[in-house]
Amino acid sequence: MKKRTNKPEKEIITLSGENGKNIDFELAAEVELDDYTYLILKALDSSMGLDPDEAIIFRLEADGMMEPEFDDDIIDRISEIYNADLDN
């Protein structure tokens, strides 16, 4: 099952970077794909070197931890779902 959930209000998620610095992200969307939930996060702080249109995709694990997604095929599929929903 594939679906994207829009968030009506900005939801901010704060993650700790490798250097211990906290980084704030906006939760752009949640996407369910292949029995996993993926979070699309946009950095609110430009110090991460991301363009405003760029995002990072995290896989939500059963224990509540988030792991960055590195699989290009999964990232492409999530991006297609997200972009298709933006077009609707």
N, C-alpha and C. Protein backbone atom coordinates (compact mmCIF):
# COMPACT_ATOMS: atom_id res chain seq x y z
N MET A 1 0.84 -1.18 0.00
CA MET A 1 0.00 0.00 0.00
C MET A 1 0.89 1.24 0.00
N LYS A 2 0.51 2.20 -0.80
CA LYS A 2 1.25 3.45 -0.86
C LYS A 2 0.32 4.57 -0.46
N LYS A 3 0.80 5.45 0.38
CA LYS A 3 0.02 6.65 0.65
C LYS A 3 0.92 7.73 1.19
N ARG A 4 0.48 8.92 1.02
CA ARG A 4 1.21 10.07 1.54
C ARG A 4 0.26 10.82 2.44
N THR A 5 0.76 11.25 3.56
CA THR A 5 -0.06 12.00 4.49
C THR A 5 0.46 13.42 4.57
N ASN A 6 -0.37 14.37 4.17
CA ASN A 6 -0.01 15.77 4.32
C ASN A 6 -0.22 16.18 5.76
N LYS A 7 0.62 17.06 6.23
CA LYS A 7 0.49 17.61 7.57
C LYS A 7 -0.09 19.02 7.44
N PRO A 8 -1.24 19.30 8.07
CA PRO A 8 -1.86 20.62 7.94
C PRO A 8 -1.03 21.73 8.60
N GLU A 9 -0.32 21.43 9.69
CA GLU A 9 0.50 22.40 10.37
C GLU A 9 1.94 21.92 10.32
N LYS A 10 2.86 22.85 10.46
CA LYS A 10 4.27 22.46 10.49
C LYS A 10 4.54 21.63 11.74
N GLU A 11 5.13 20.50 11.53
CA GLU A 11 5.57 19.67 12.65
C GLU A 11 7.09 19.67 12.62
N ILE A 12 7.69 20.10 13.71
CA ILE A 12 9.14 20.22 13.79
C ILE A 12 9.70 19.01 14.54
N ILE A 13 10.73 18.42 13.95
CA ILE A 13 11.44 17.30 14.56
C ILE A 13 12.88 17.74 14.75
N THR A 14 13.41 17.58 15.96
CA THR A 14 14.78 17.96 16.26
C THR A 14 15.63 16.70 16.38
N LEU A 15 16.69 16.64 15.59
CA LEU A 15 17.61 15.51 15.63
C LEU A 15 18.99 16.00 16.08
N SER A 16 19.73 15.12 16.72
CA SER A 16 21.09 15.45 17.11
C SER A 16 22.05 14.98 16.03
N GLY A 17 22.89 15.88 15.56
CA GLY A 17 23.88 15.53 14.55
C GLY A 17 25.05 14.80 15.18
N GLU A 18 25.94 14.33 14.33
CA GLU A 18 27.11 13.60 14.81
C GLU A 18 27.98 14.45 15.73
N ASN A 19 27.97 15.76 15.53
CA ASN A 19 28.77 16.66 16.36
C ASN A 19 28.04 17.07 17.63
N GLY A 20 26.87 16.50 17.86
CA GLY A 20 26.08 16.83 19.05
C GLY A 20 25.20 18.04 18.89
N LYS A 21 25.29 18.72 17.75
CA LYS A 21 24.47 19.90 17.49
C LYS A 21 23.06 19.46 17.11
N ASN A 22 22.06 20.10 17.69
CA ASN A 22 20.67 19.82 17.34
C ASN A 22 20.32 20.49 16.02
N ILE A 23 19.59 19.76 15.19
CA ILE A 23 19.17 20.26 13.88
C ILE A 23 17.65 20.12 13.79
N ASP A 24 16.97 21.21 13.46
CA ASP A 24 15.52 21.19 13.33
C ASP A 24 15.13 20.89 11.89
N PHE A 25 14.14 20.00 11.77
CA PHE A 25 13.58 19.62 10.48
C PHE A 25 12.08 19.84 10.50
N GLU A 26 11.54 20.16 9.35
CA GLU A 26 10.08 20.18 9.18
C GLU A 26 9.67 18.83 8.58
N LEU A 27 8.66 18.23 9.18
CA LEU A 27 8.12 16.99 8.63
C LEU A 27 7.27 17.36 7.42
N ALA A 28 7.79 17.05 6.23
CA ALA A 28 7.07 17.40 5.00
C ALA A 28 5.98 16.39 4.70
N ALA A 29 6.25 15.10 4.99
CA ALA A 29 5.27 14.06 4.69
C ALA A 29 5.66 12.75 5.34
N GLU A 30 4.67 11.89 5.47
CA GLU A 30 4.87 10.50 5.84
C GLU A 30 4.39 9.65 4.67
N VAL A 31 5.20 8.68 4.29
CA VAL A 31 4.85 7.82 3.17
C VAL A 31 4.93 6.38 3.64
N GLU A 32 3.89 5.61 3.40
CA GLU A 32 3.92 4.18 3.71
C GLU A 32 4.21 3.43 2.42
N LEU A 33 5.22 2.56 2.51
CA LEU A 33 5.64 1.80 1.33
C LEU A 33 6.23 0.48 1.80
N ASP A 34 5.71 -0.62 1.25
CA ASP A 34 6.25 -1.95 1.56
C ASP A 34 6.35 -2.21 3.06
N ASP A 35 5.30 -1.94 3.78
CA ASP A 35 5.20 -2.21 5.23
C ASP A 35 6.12 -1.35 6.09
N TYR A 36 6.65 -0.29 5.55
CA TYR A 36 7.46 0.65 6.32
C TYR A 36 6.86 2.04 6.22
N THR A 37 7.12 2.84 7.23
CA THR A 37 6.76 4.25 7.18
C THR A 37 8.04 5.04 6.99
N TYR A 38 8.00 5.95 6.02
CA TYR A 38 9.14 6.81 5.73
C TYR A 38 8.75 8.25 6.03
N LEU A 39 9.67 8.99 6.60
CA LEU A 39 9.45 10.40 6.91
C LEU A 39 10.30 11.23 5.96
N ILE A 40 9.67 12.20 5.34
CA ILE A 40 10.39 13.14 4.48
C ILE A 40 10.59 14.40 5.30
N LEU A 41 11.87 14.70 5.58
CA LEU A 41 12.21 15.83 6.44
C LEU A 41 12.98 16.87 5.67
N LYS A 42 12.61 18.13 5.89
CA LYS A 42 13.33 19.26 5.28
C LYS A 42 14.02 20.04 6.39
N ALA A 43 15.32 20.26 6.22
CA ALA A 43 16.10 20.99 7.22
C ALA A 43 15.65 22.45 7.28
N LEU A 44 15.45 22.94 8.48
CA LEU A 44 15.08 24.34 8.66
C LEU A 44 16.31 25.23 8.79
N ASP A 45 17.46 24.61 9.01
CA ASP A 45 18.71 25.33 9.19
C ASP A 45 19.56 25.13 7.94
N SER A 46 19.96 26.22 7.30
CA SER A 46 20.72 26.12 6.05
C SER A 46 22.15 25.63 6.27
N SER A 47 22.58 25.49 7.51
CA SER A 47 23.95 25.07 7.77
C SER A 47 24.20 23.62 7.35
N MET A 48 23.12 22.87 7.06
CA MET A 48 23.29 21.48 6.61
C MET A 48 23.72 21.42 5.15
N GLY A 49 23.68 22.54 4.46
CA GLY A 49 24.09 22.56 3.06
C GLY A 49 23.03 22.07 2.10
N LEU A 50 21.78 21.98 2.56
CA LEU A 50 20.68 21.55 1.69
C LEU A 50 19.98 22.75 1.10
N ASP A 51 19.57 22.62 -0.15
CA ASP A 51 18.72 23.63 -0.76
C ASP A 51 17.34 23.56 -0.12
N PRO A 52 16.58 24.64 -0.16
CA PRO A 52 15.24 24.63 0.46
C PRO A 52 14.32 23.55 -0.12
N ASP A 53 14.56 23.13 -1.37
CA ASP A 53 13.71 22.12 -1.98
C ASP A 53 14.19 20.70 -1.71
N GLU A 54 15.35 20.55 -1.09
CA GLU A 54 15.89 19.22 -0.81
C GLU A 54 15.35 18.69 0.51
N ALA A 55 15.32 17.37 0.60
CA ALA A 55 14.83 16.72 1.81
C ALA A 55 15.65 15.47 2.08
N ILE A 56 15.52 14.97 3.30
CA ILE A 56 16.16 13.72 3.70
C ILE A 56 15.05 12.75 4.04
N ILE A 57 15.19 11.51 3.59
CA ILE A 57 14.18 10.48 3.85
C ILE A 57 14.70 9.54 4.93
N PHE A 58 13.88 9.36 5.97
CA PHE A 58 14.20 8.45 7.05
C PHE A 58 13.18 7.34 7.10
N ARG A 59 13.63 6.13 7.42
CA ARG A 59 12.74 4.98 7.64
C ARG A 59 12.47 4.90 9.14
N LEU A 60 11.21 4.83 9.50
CA LEU A 60 10.81 4.71 10.89
C LEU A 60 10.84 3.24 11.28
N GLU A 61 11.68 2.91 12.24
CA GLU A 61 11.84 1.53 12.69
C GLU A 61 10.78 1.18 13.73
N ALA A 62 10.59 -0.11 13.98
CA ALA A 62 9.57 -0.59 14.93
C ALA A 62 9.81 -0.05 16.34
N ASP A 63 11.07 0.20 16.68
CA ASP A 63 11.39 0.70 18.02
C ASP A 63 11.27 2.22 18.12
N GLY A 64 10.81 2.87 17.05
CA GLY A 64 10.63 4.31 17.05
C GLY A 64 11.84 5.09 16.59
N MET A 65 12.95 4.40 16.38
CA MET A 65 14.16 5.07 15.90
C MET A 65 14.01 5.37 14.41
N MET A 66 14.71 6.40 13.96
CA MET A 66 14.69 6.76 12.55
C MET A 66 16.07 6.49 11.96
N GLU A 67 16.07 5.85 10.79
CA GLU A 67 17.31 5.56 10.09
C GLU A 67 17.26 6.22 8.71
N PRO A 68 18.32 6.92 8.32
CA PRO A 68 18.30 7.52 6.98
C PRO A 68 18.23 6.43 5.92
N GLU A 69 17.48 6.70 4.88
CA GLU A 69 17.33 5.74 3.78
C GLU A 69 18.38 6.05 2.71
N PHE A 70 19.15 5.03 2.34
CA PHE A 70 20.20 5.21 1.34
C PHE A 70 19.92 4.45 0.04
N ASP A 71 18.91 3.59 0.03
CA ASP A 71 18.61 2.78 -1.15
C ASP A 71 17.99 3.67 -2.23
N ASP A 72 18.71 3.84 -3.34
CA ASP A 72 18.24 4.74 -4.41
C ASP A 72 16.90 4.33 -4.98
N ASP A 73 16.62 3.03 -5.08
CA ASP A 73 15.33 2.57 -5.61
C ASP A 73 14.19 2.98 -4.69
N ILE A 74 14.38 2.81 -3.40
CA ILE A 74 13.33 3.20 -2.44
C ILE A 74 13.16 4.71 -2.44
N ILE A 75 14.27 5.44 -2.45
CA ILE A 75 14.19 6.90 -2.48
C ILE A 75 13.43 7.37 -3.72
N ASP A 76 13.71 6.76 -4.87
CA ASP A 76 13.00 7.12 -6.10
C ASP A 76 11.51 6.84 -5.99
N ARG A 77 11.15 5.69 -5.43
CA ARG A 77 9.73 5.34 -5.30
C ARG A 77 9.02 6.30 -4.35
N ILE A 78 9.66 6.63 -3.24
CA ILE A 78 9.06 7.57 -2.29
C ILE A 78 8.92 8.95 -2.93
N SER A 79 9.93 9.37 -3.65
CA SER A 79 9.87 10.67 -4.33
C SER A 79 8.74 10.72 -5.35
N GLU A 80 8.55 9.63 -6.08
CA GLU A 80 7.45 9.57 -7.06
C GLU A 80 6.10 9.71 -6.37
N ILE A 81 5.91 9.01 -5.25
CA ILE A 81 4.65 9.10 -4.51
C ILE A 81 4.44 10.53 -4.01
N TYR A 82 5.47 11.09 -3.43
CA TYR A 82 5.39 12.44 -2.87
C TYR A 82 5.07 13.46 -3.98
N ASN A 83 5.82 13.40 -5.07
CA ASN A 83 5.61 14.36 -6.16
C ASN A 83 4.26 14.18 -6.84
N ALA A 84 3.80 12.95 -6.99
CA ALA A 84 2.49 12.71 -7.60
C ALA A 84 1.38 13.32 -6.73
N ASP A 85 1.54 13.21 -5.43
CA ASP A 85 0.53 13.77 -4.52
C ASP A 85 0.56 15.29 -4.55
N LEU A 86 1.73 15.88 -4.75
CA LEU A 86 1.82 17.34 -4.85
C LEU A 86 1.10 17.84 -6.09
N ASP A 87 1.12 17.02 -7.15
CA ASP A 87 0.47 17.41 -8.40
C ASP A 87 -1.05 17.32 -8.32
N ASN A 88 -1.57 16.61 -7.33
CA ASN A 88 -3.04 16.44 -7.21
C ASN A 88 -3.66 17.52 -6.38
